[in-house]
Amino acid sequence: GYDEANLPPLPERAKGVEGRLEEDEIPTETASFPVS
């Protein structure tokens, strides 16, 4: 029965609460990038 409104705001890089959004699928191929 805890009121979730009392939880702190979502931190940076948090995309939402689990089970209440469409989960993004992690692609199987990585993007190209400079090694450094």
PDB file of all heavy atoms in Angstrom:
ATOM      1  N   GLY A   1       0.791  -1.224   0.000  1.00  0.00           N
ATOM      2  CA  GLY A   1       0.000   0.000   0.000  1.00  0.00           C
ATOM      3  C   GLY A   1       0.821   1.270   0.000  1.00  0.00           C
ATOM      4  O   GLY A   1       0.252   2.363   0.185  1.00  0.00           O
ATOM      5  N   TYR A   2       2.122   1.150  -0.201  1.00  0.00           N
ATOM      6  CA  TYR A   2       2.958   2.354  -0.183  1.00  0.00           C
ATOM      7  C   TYR A   2       2.578   3.278  -1.336  1.00  0.00           C
ATOM      8  O   TYR A   2       2.375   2.841  -2.474  1.00  0.00           O
ATOM      9  CB  TYR A   2       4.429   1.963  -0.291  1.00  0.00           C
ATOM     10  CG  TYR A   2       5.397   3.124  -0.221  1.00  0.00           C
ATOM     11  CD1 TYR A   2       5.810   3.609   1.007  1.00  0.00           C
ATOM     12  CD2 TYR A   2       5.864   3.737  -1.378  1.00  0.00           C
ATOM     13  CE1 TYR A   2       6.694   4.681   1.088  1.00  0.00           C
ATOM     14  CE2 TYR A   2       6.743   4.803  -1.315  1.00  0.00           C
ATOM     15  CZ  TYR A   2       7.152   5.280  -0.081  1.00  0.00           C
ATOM     16  OH  TYR A   2       8.008   6.346  -0.007  1.00  0.00           O
ATOM     17  N   ASP A   3       2.512   4.579  -1.063  1.00  0.00           N
ATOM     18  CA  ASP A   3       2.168   5.582  -2.076  1.00  0.00           C
ATOM     19  C   ASP A   3       3.424   5.889  -2.887  1.00  0.00           C
ATOM     20  O   ASP A   3       4.367   6.514  -2.393  1.00  0.00           O
ATOM     21  CB  ASP A   3       1.652   6.847  -1.401  1.00  0.00           C
ATOM     22  CG  ASP A   3       1.144   7.866  -2.417  1.00  0.00           C
ATOM     23  OD1 ASP A   3       1.277   7.612  -3.640  1.00  0.00           O
ATOM     24  OD2 ASP A   3       0.628   8.920  -1.981  1.00  0.00           O
ATOM     25  N   GLU A   4       3.437   5.433  -4.131  1.00  0.00           N
ATOM     26  CA  GLU A   4       4.620   5.610  -4.969  1.00  0.00           C
ATOM     27  C   GLU A   4       4.909   7.063  -5.289  1.00  0.00           C
ATOM     28  O   GLU A   4       6.010   7.406  -5.715  1.00  0.00           O
ATOM     29  CB  GLU A   4       4.466   4.805  -6.258  1.00  0.00           C
ATOM     30  CG  GLU A   4       4.401   3.300  -6.022  1.00  0.00           C
ATOM     31  CD  GLU A   4       4.246   2.517  -7.315  1.00  0.00           C
ATOM     32  OE1 GLU A   4       4.379   3.138  -8.398  1.00  0.00           O
ATOM     33  OE2 GLU A   4       4.000   1.299  -7.257  1.00  0.00           O
ATOM     34  N   ALA A   5       3.935   7.919  -5.058  1.00  0.00           N
ATOM     35  CA  ALA A   5       4.178   9.345  -5.278  1.00  0.00           C
ATOM     36  C   ALA A   5       5.230   9.882  -4.319  1.00  0.00           C
ATOM     37  O   ALA A   5       5.828  10.944  -4.566  1.00  0.00           O
ATOM     38  CB  ALA A   5       2.873  10.131  -5.122  1.00  0.00           C
ATOM     39  N   ASN A   6       5.461   9.163  -3.227  1.00  0.00           N
ATOM     40  CA  ASN A   6       6.460   9.594  -2.252  1.00  0.00           C
ATOM     41  C   ASN A   6       7.875   9.149  -2.612  1.00  0.00           C
ATOM     42  O   ASN A   6       8.825   9.506  -1.909  1.00  0.00           O
ATOM     43  CB  ASN A   6       6.100   9.042  -0.870  1.00  0.00           C
ATOM     44  CG  ASN A   6       4.818   9.636  -0.338  1.00  0.00           C
ATOM     45  OD1 ASN A   6       4.504  10.801  -0.602  1.00  0.00           O
ATOM     46  ND2 ASN A   6       4.055   8.840   0.412  1.00  0.00           N
ATOM     47  N   LEU A   7       8.012   8.354  -3.669  1.00  0.00           N
ATOM     48  CA  LEU A   7       9.345   7.971  -4.130  1.00  0.00           C
ATOM     49  C   LEU A   7      10.040   9.170  -4.755  1.00  0.00           C
ATOM     50  O   LEU A   7       9.370  10.074  -5.304  1.00  0.00           O
ATOM     51  CB  LEU A   7       9.266   6.828  -5.141  1.00  0.00           C
ATOM     52  CG  LEU A   7       8.803   5.462  -4.631  1.00  0.00           C
ATOM     53  CD1 LEU A   7       8.647   4.489  -5.785  1.00  0.00           C
ATOM     54  CD2 LEU A   7       9.792   4.909  -3.604  1.00  0.00           C
ATOM     55  N   PRO A   8      11.370   9.224  -4.706  1.00  0.00           N
ATOM     56  CA  PRO A   8      12.080  10.352  -5.341  1.00  0.00           C
ATOM     57  C   PRO A   8      11.895  10.336  -6.851  1.00  0.00           C
ATOM     58  O   PRO A   8      11.529   9.293  -7.435  1.00  0.00           O
ATOM     59  CB  PRO A   8      13.537  10.096  -4.944  1.00  0.00           C
ATOM     60  CG  PRO A   8      13.619   8.646  -4.628  1.00  0.00           C
ATOM     61  CD  PRO A   8      12.291   8.275  -4.054  1.00  0.00           C
ATOM     62  N   PRO A   9      12.121  11.448  -7.518  1.00  0.00           N
ATOM     63  CA  PRO A   9      11.998  11.495  -8.977  1.00  0.00           C
ATOM     64  C   PRO A   9      12.926  10.484  -9.641  1.00  0.00           C
ATOM     65  O   PRO A   9      13.944  10.084  -9.075  1.00  0.00           O
ATOM     66  CB  PRO A   9      12.408  12.934  -9.320  1.00  0.00           C
ATOM     67  CG  PRO A   9      12.233  13.704  -8.059  1.00  0.00           C
ATOM     68  CD  PRO A   9      12.527  12.751  -6.947  1.00  0.00           C
ATOM     69  N   LEU A  10      12.552  10.079 -10.841  1.00  0.00           N
ATOM     70  CA  LEU A  10      13.411   9.151 -11.583  1.00  0.00           C
ATOM     71  C   LEU A  10      14.787   9.766 -11.794  1.00  0.00           C
ATOM     72  O   LEU A  10      14.903  10.939 -12.161  1.00  0.00           O
ATOM     73  CB  LEU A  10      12.784   8.810 -12.937  1.00  0.00           C
ATOM     74  CG  LEU A  10      11.537   7.931 -12.926  1.00  0.00           C
ATOM     75  CD1 LEU A  10      10.934   7.858 -14.322  1.00  0.00           C
ATOM     76  CD2 LEU A  10      11.877   6.532 -12.423  1.00  0.00           C
ATOM     77  N   PRO A  11      15.850   9.003 -11.568  1.00  0.00           N
ATOM     78  CA  PRO A  11      17.201   9.549 -11.767  1.00  0.00           C
ATOM     79  C   PRO A  11      17.536   9.663 -13.250  1.00  0.00           C
ATOM     80  O   PRO A  11      16.809   9.170 -14.121  1.00  0.00           O
ATOM     81  CB  PRO A  11      18.086   8.513 -11.079  1.00  0.00           C
ATOM     82  CG  PRO A  11      17.323   7.232 -11.177  1.00  0.00           C
ATOM     83  CD  PRO A  11      15.875   7.621 -11.080  1.00  0.00           C
ATOM     84  N   GLU A  12      18.637  10.310 -13.518  1.00  0.00           N
ATOM     85  CA  GLU A  12      19.113  10.447 -14.887  1.00  0.00           C
ATOM     86  C   GLU A  12      19.373   9.065 -15.479  1.00  0.00           C
ATOM     87  O   GLU A  12      19.865   8.186 -14.803  1.00  0.00           O
ATOM     88  CB  GLU A  12      20.398  11.278 -14.899  1.00  0.00           C
ATOM     89  CG  GLU A  12      20.933  11.561 -16.299  1.00  0.00           C
ATOM     90  CD  GLU A  12      22.218  12.356 -16.274  1.00  0.00           C
ATOM     91  OE1 GLU A  12      22.672  12.715 -15.162  1.00  0.00           O
ATOM     92  OE2 GLU A  12      22.768  12.608 -17.357  1.00  0.00           O
ATOM     93  N   ARG A  13      19.030   8.874 -16.733  1.00  0.00           N
ATOM     94  CA  ARG A  13      19.156   7.637 -17.507  1.00  0.00           C
ATOM     95  C   ARG A  13      18.109   6.600 -17.147  1.00  0.00           C
ATOM     96  O   ARG A  13      18.131   5.489 -17.683  1.00  0.00           O
ATOM     97  CB  ARG A  13      20.548   7.007 -17.360  1.00  0.00           C
ATOM     98  CG  ARG A  13      21.708   7.871 -17.822  1.00  0.00           C
ATOM     99  CD  ARG A  13      21.644   8.215 -19.302  1.00  0.00           C
ATOM    100  NE  ARG A  13      21.509   7.071 -20.170  1.00  0.00           N
ATOM    101  CZ  ARG A  13      22.544   6.408 -20.700  1.00  0.00           C
ATOM    102  NH1 ARG A  13      23.786   6.800 -20.422  1.00  0.00           N
ATOM    103  NH2 ARG A  13      22.349   5.388 -21.514  1.00  0.00           N
ATOM    104  N   ALA A  14      17.143   6.936 -16.270  1.00  0.00           N
ATOM    105  CA  ALA A  14      16.035   6.024 -15.990  1.00  0.00           C
ATOM    106  C   ALA A  14      14.897   6.368 -16.949  1.00  0.00           C
ATOM    107  O   ALA A  14      14.479   7.523 -17.041  1.00  0.00           O
ATOM    108  CB  ALA A  14      15.575   6.151 -14.552  1.00  0.00           C
ATOM    109  N   LYS A  15      14.388   5.366 -17.660  1.00  0.00           N
ATOM    110  CA  LYS A  15      13.379   5.635 -18.687  1.00  0.00           C
ATOM    111  C   LYS A  15      11.961   5.391 -18.208  1.00  0.00           C
ATOM    112  O   LYS A  15      11.020   5.551 -18.976  1.00  0.00           O
ATOM    113  CB  LYS A  15      13.661   4.794 -19.925  1.00  0.00           C
ATOM    114  CG  LYS A  15      13.671   3.290 -19.683  1.00  0.00           C
ATOM    115  CD  LYS A  15      14.041   2.546 -20.961  1.00  0.00           C
ATOM    116  CE  LYS A  15      14.102   1.040 -20.742  1.00  0.00           C
ATOM    117  NZ  LYS A  15      14.479   0.319 -21.976  1.00  0.00           N
ATOM    118  N   GLY A  16      11.772   5.000 -16.969  1.00  0.00           N
ATOM    119  CA  GLY A  16      10.429   4.802 -16.453  1.00  0.00           C
ATOM    120  C   GLY A  16      10.378   3.669 -15.447  1.00  0.00           C
ATOM    121  O   GLY A  16      11.412   3.115 -15.052  1.00  0.00           O
ATOM    122  N   VAL A  17       9.160   3.320 -15.039  1.00  0.00           N
ATOM    123  CA  VAL A  17       8.947   2.254 -14.066  1.00  0.00           C
ATOM    124  C   VAL A  17       8.699   0.948 -14.802  1.00  0.00           C
ATOM    125  O   VAL A  17       7.895   0.893 -15.746  1.00  0.00           O
ATOM    126  CB  VAL A  17       7.769   2.580 -13.136  1.00  0.00           C
ATOM    127  CG1 VAL A  17       7.529   1.440 -12.158  1.00  0.00           C
ATOM    128  CG2 VAL A  17       8.031   3.873 -12.384  1.00  0.00           C
ATOM    129  N   GLU A  18       9.354  -0.098 -14.373  1.00  0.00           N
ATOM    130  CA  GLU A  18       9.233  -1.404 -15.015  1.00  0.00           C
ATOM    131  C   GLU A  18       7.783  -1.869 -15.013  1.00  0.00           C
ATOM    132  O   GLU A  18       7.071  -1.754 -14.011  1.00  0.00           O
ATOM    133  CB  GLU A  18      10.108  -2.418 -14.285  1.00  0.00           C
ATOM    134  CG  GLU A  18      10.162  -3.786 -14.936  1.00  0.00           C
ATOM    135  CD  GLU A  18      11.068  -4.729 -14.181  1.00  0.00           C
ATOM    136  OE1 GLU A  18      10.868  -4.889 -12.959  1.00  0.00           O
ATOM    137  OE2 GLU A  18      11.981  -5.304 -14.810  1.00  0.00           O
ATOM    138  N   GLY A  19       7.333  -2.403 -16.158  1.00  0.00           N
ATOM    139  CA  GLY A  19       5.976  -2.906 -16.270  1.00  0.00           C
ATOM    140  C   GLY A  19       4.969  -1.859 -16.693  1.00  0.00           C
ATOM    141  O   GLY A  19       3.807  -2.178 -16.934  1.00  0.00           O
ATOM    142  N   ARG A  20       5.424  -0.604 -16.804  1.00  0.00           N
ATOM    143  CA  ARG A  20       4.493   0.472 -17.182  1.00  0.00           C
ATOM    144  C   ARG A  20       4.961   1.201 -18.431  1.00  0.00           C
ATOM    145  O   ARG A  20       4.554   2.327 -18.697  1.00  0.00           O
ATOM    146  CB  ARG A  20       4.362   1.467 -16.023  1.00  0.00           C
ATOM    147  CG  ARG A  20       3.860   0.798 -14.751  1.00  0.00           C
ATOM    148  CD  ARG A  20       3.873   1.713 -13.577  1.00  0.00           C
ATOM    149  NE  ARG A  20       3.700   0.951 -12.337  1.00  0.00           N
ATOM    150  CZ  ARG A  20       3.787   1.476 -11.131  1.00  0.00           C
ATOM    151  NH1 ARG A  20       4.018   2.766 -10.990  1.00  0.00           N
ATOM    152  NH2 ARG A  20       3.645   0.718 -10.054  1.00  0.00           N
ATOM    153  N   LEU A  21       5.838   0.580 -19.179  1.00  0.00           N
ATOM    154  CA  LEU A  21       6.294   1.158 -20.447  1.00  0.00           C
ATOM    155  C   LEU A  21       6.704   0.032 -21.356  1.00  0.00           C
ATOM    156  O   LEU A  21       6.885  -1.110 -20.933  1.00  0.00           O
ATOM    157  CB  LEU A  21       7.465   2.125 -20.212  1.00  0.00           C
ATOM    158  CG  LEU A  21       8.638   1.653 -19.332  1.00  0.00           C
ATOM    159  CD1 LEU A  21       9.570   0.733 -20.078  1.00  0.00           C
ATOM    160  CD2 LEU A  21       9.415   2.860 -18.824  1.00  0.00           C
ATOM    161  N   GLU A  22       6.815   0.321 -22.629  1.00  0.00           N
ATOM    162  CA  GLU A  22       7.272  -0.670 -23.599  1.00  0.00           C
ATOM    163  C   GLU A  22       8.791  -0.753 -23.522  1.00  0.00           C
ATOM    164  O   GLU A  22       9.499   0.224 -23.744  1.00  0.00           O
ATOM    165  CB  GLU A  22       6.840  -0.281 -25.014  1.00  0.00           C
ATOM    166  CG  GLU A  22       5.329  -0.365 -25.231  1.00  0.00           C
ATOM    167  CD  GLU A  22       4.979  -0.134 -26.687  1.00  0.00           C
ATOM    168  OE1 GLU A  22       5.921  -0.049 -27.505  1.00  0.00           O
ATOM    169  OE2 GLU A  22       3.789  -0.043 -26.999  1.00  0.00           O
ATOM    170  N   GLU A  23       9.254  -1.935 -23.182  1.00  0.00           N
ATOM    171  CA  GLU A  23      10.699  -2.112 -23.034  1.00  0.00           C
ATOM    172  C   GLU A  23      11.388  -2.020 -24.397  1.00  0.00           C
ATOM    173  O   GLU A  23      10.925  -2.585 -25.385  1.00  0.00           O
ATOM    174  CB  GLU A  23      11.007  -3.473 -22.398  1.00  0.00           C
ATOM    175  CG  GLU A  23      10.465  -3.620 -20.991  1.00  0.00           C
ATOM    176  CD  GLU A  23      11.197  -2.721 -20.011  1.00  0.00           C
ATOM    177  OE1 GLU A  23      12.310  -2.274 -20.345  1.00  0.00           O
ATOM    178  OE2 GLU A  23      10.636  -2.466 -18.936  1.00  0.00           O
ATOM    179  N   ASP A  24      12.464  -1.244 -24.432  1.00  0.00           N
ATOM    180  CA  ASP A  24      13.265  -1.162 -25.653  1.00  0.00           C
ATOM    181  C   ASP A  24      14.105  -2.420 -25.786  1.00  0.00           C
ATOM    182  O   ASP A  24      14.693  -2.879 -24.825  1.00  0.00           O
ATOM    183  CB  ASP A  24      14.213   0.053 -25.612  1.00  0.00           C
ATOM    184  CG  ASP A  24      13.420   1.359 -25.595  1.00  0.00           C
ATOM    185  OD1 ASP A  24      12.337   1.370 -26.182  1.00  0.00           O
ATOM    186  OD2 ASP A  24      13.906   2.338 -24.989  1.00  0.00           O
ATOM    187  N   GLU A  25      14.154  -2.975 -26.963  1.00  0.00           N
ATOM    188  CA  GLU A  25      14.986  -4.148 -27.198  1.00  0.00           C
ATOM    189  C   GLU A  25      16.422  -3.723 -27.467  1.00  0.00           C
ATOM    190  O   GLU A  25      16.675  -2.778 -28.204  1.00  0.00           O
ATOM    191  CB  GLU A  25      14.464  -4.954 -28.383  1.00  0.00           C
ATOM    192  CG  GLU A  25      13.110  -5.607 -28.126  1.00  0.00           C
ATOM    193  CD  GLU A  25      12.718  -6.513 -29.270  1.00  0.00           C
ATOM    194  OE1 GLU A  25      13.512  -6.588 -30.226  1.00  0.00           O
ATOM    195  OE2 GLU A  25      11.645  -7.112 -29.188  1.00  0.00           O
ATOM    196  N   ILE A  26      17.343  -4.412 -26.843  1.00  0.00           N
ATOM    197  CA  ILE A  26      18.757  -4.119 -27.079  1.00  0.00           C
ATOM    198  C   ILE A  26      19.146  -4.708 -28.426  1.00  0.00           C
ATOM    199  O   ILE A  26      18.963  -5.896 -28.661  1.00  0.00           O
ATOM    200  CB  ILE A  26      19.633  -4.724 -25.973  1.00  0.00           C
ATOM    201  CG1 ILE A  26      19.262  -4.089 -24.627  1.00  0.00           C
ATOM    202  CG2 ILE A  26      21.111  -4.530 -26.272  1.00  0.00           C
ATOM    203  CD1 ILE A  26      20.043  -4.646 -23.464  1.00  0.00           C
ATOM    204  N   PRO A  27      19.653  -3.871 -29.360  1.00  0.00           N
ATOM    205  CA  PRO A  27      20.011  -4.399 -30.685  1.00  0.00           C
ATOM    206  C   PRO A  27      21.150  -5.405 -30.576  1.00  0.00           C
ATOM    207  O   PRO A  27      21.983  -5.331 -29.681  1.00  0.00           O
ATOM    208  CB  PRO A  27      20.449  -3.133 -31.454  1.00  0.00           C
ATOM    209  CG  PRO A  27      20.860  -2.155 -30.389  1.00  0.00           C
ATOM    210  CD  PRO A  27      19.965  -2.443 -29.217  1.00  0.00           C
ATOM    211  N   THR A  28      21.139  -6.330 -31.507  1.00  0.00           N
ATOM    212  CA  THR A  28      22.183  -7.364 -31.491  1.00  0.00           C
ATOM    213  C   THR A  28      23.480  -6.870 -32.110  1.00  0.00           C
ATOM    214  O   THR A  28      24.525  -7.450 -31.895  1.00  0.00           O
ATOM    215  CB  THR A  28      21.704  -8.602 -32.259  1.00  0.00           C
ATOM    216  OG1 THR A  28      21.333  -8.216 -33.588  1.00  0.00           O
ATOM    217  CG2 THR A  28      20.495  -9.206 -31.576  1.00  0.00           C
ATOM    218  N   GLU A  29      23.428  -5.788 -32.916  1.00  0.00           N
ATOM    219  CA  GLU A  29      24.634  -5.256 -33.530  1.00  0.00           C
ATOM    220  C   GLU A  29      24.958  -3.898 -32.915  1.00  0.00           C
ATOM    221  O   GLU A  29      24.076  -3.087 -32.656  1.00  0.00           O
ATOM    222  CB  GLU A  29      24.460  -5.100 -35.040  1.00  0.00           C
ATOM    223  CG  GLU A  29      24.237  -6.442 -35.767  1.00  0.00           C
ATOM    224  CD  GLU A  29      24.150  -6.255 -37.254  1.00  0.00           C
ATOM    225  OE1 GLU A  29      24.237  -5.098 -37.701  1.00  0.00           O
ATOM    226  OE2 GLU A  29      24.006  -7.259 -37.960  1.00  0.00           O
ATOM    227  N   THR A  30      26.205  -3.637 -32.673  1.00  0.00           N
ATOM    228  CA  THR A  30      26.612  -2.367 -32.091  1.00  0.00           C
ATOM    229  C   THR A  30      26.916  -1.360 -33.178  1.00  0.00           C
ATOM    230  O   THR A  30      27.245  -1.703 -34.315  1.00  0.00           O
ATOM    231  CB  THR A  30      27.865  -2.552 -31.240  1.00  0.00           C
ATOM    232  OG1 THR A  30      28.910  -3.017 -32.082  1.00  0.00           O
ATOM    233  CG2 THR A  30      27.624  -3.570 -30.139  1.00  0.00           C
ATOM    234  N   ALA A  31      26.782  -0.093 -32.818  1.00  0.00           N
ATOM    235  CA  ALA A  31      27.092   0.970 -33.765  1.00  0.00           C
ATOM    236  C   ALA A  31      28.593   1.130 -33.888  1.00  0.00           C
ATOM    237  O   ALA A  31      29.353   0.752 -32.997  1.00  0.00           O
ATOM    238  CB  ALA A  31      26.461   2.276 -33.285  1.00  0.00           C
ATOM    239  N   SER A  32      29.054   1.685 -35.001  1.00  0.00           N
ATOM    240  CA  SER A  32      30.480   1.919 -35.155  1.00  0.00           C
ATOM    241  C   SER A  32      30.880   3.170 -34.387  1.00  0.00           C
ATOM    242  O   SER A  32      30.084   4.087 -34.185  1.00  0.00           O
ATOM    243  CB  SER A  32      30.821   2.079 -36.640  1.00  0.00           C
ATOM    244  OG  SER A  32      30.116   3.181 -37.184  1.00  0.00           O
ATOM    245  N   PHE A  33      32.133   3.243 -33.957  1.00  0.00           N
ATOM    246  CA  PHE A  33      32.587   4.366 -33.140  1.00  0.00           C
ATOM    247  C   PHE A  33      34.099   4.379 -33.105  1.00  0.00           C
ATOM    248  O   PHE A  33      34.747   3.363 -33.329  1.00  0.00           O
ATOM    249  CB  PHE A  33      32.063   4.245 -31.704  1.00  0.00           C
ATOM    250  CG  PHE A  33      32.458   2.959 -31.042  1.00  0.00           C
ATOM    251  CD1 PHE A  33      33.623   2.871 -30.305  1.00  0.00           C
ATOM    252  CD2 PHE A  33      31.678   1.826 -31.196  1.00  0.00           C
ATOM    253  CE1 PHE A  33      33.993   1.685 -29.714  1.00  0.00           C
ATOM    254  CE2 PHE A  33      32.067   0.636 -30.604  1.00  0.00           C
ATOM    255  CZ  PHE A  33      33.223   0.561 -29.869  1.00  0.00           C
ATOM    256  N   PRO A  34      34.693   5.519 -32.811  1.00  0.00           N
ATOM    257  CA  PRO A  34      36.145   5.573 -32.638  1.00  0.00           C
ATOM    258  C   PRO A  34      36.557   4.813 -31.383  1.00  0.00           C
ATOM    259  O   PRO A  34      35.911   4.933 -30.352  1.00  0.00           O
ATOM    260  CB  PRO A  34      36.432   7.072 -32.501  1.00  0.00           C
ATOM    261  CG  PRO A  34      35.195   7.766 -32.965  1.00  0.00           C
ATOM    262  CD  PRO A  34      34.058   6.826 -32.715  1.00  0.00           C
ATOM    263  N   VAL A  35      37.635   4.049 -31.461  1.00  0.00           N
ATOM    264  CA  VAL A  35      38.079   3.262 -30.322  1.00  0.00           C
ATOM    265  C   VAL A  35      38.448   4.146 -29.146  1.00  0.00           C
ATOM    266  O   VAL A  35      38.279   3.773 -27.986  1.00  0.00           O
ATOM    267  CB  VAL A  35      39.269   2.376 -30.728  1.00  0.00           C
ATOM    268  CG1 VAL A  35      39.880   1.689 -29.517  1.00  0.00           C
ATOM    269  CG2 VAL A  35      38.832   1.365 -31.755  1.00  0.00           C
ATOM    270  N   SER A  36      38.943   5.326 -29.403  1.00  0.00           N
ATOM    271  CA  SER A  36      39.394   6.194 -28.326  1.00  0.00           C
ATOM    272  C   SER A  36      38.258   6.921 -27.621  1.00  0.00           C
ATOM    273  O   SER A  36      38.481   7.623 -26.639  1.00  0.00           O
ATOM    274  CB  SER A  36      40.376   7.239 -28.877  1.00  0.00           C
ATOM    275  OG  SER A  36      39.743   8.020 -29.879  1.00  0.00           O
TER     276      SER A  36
END
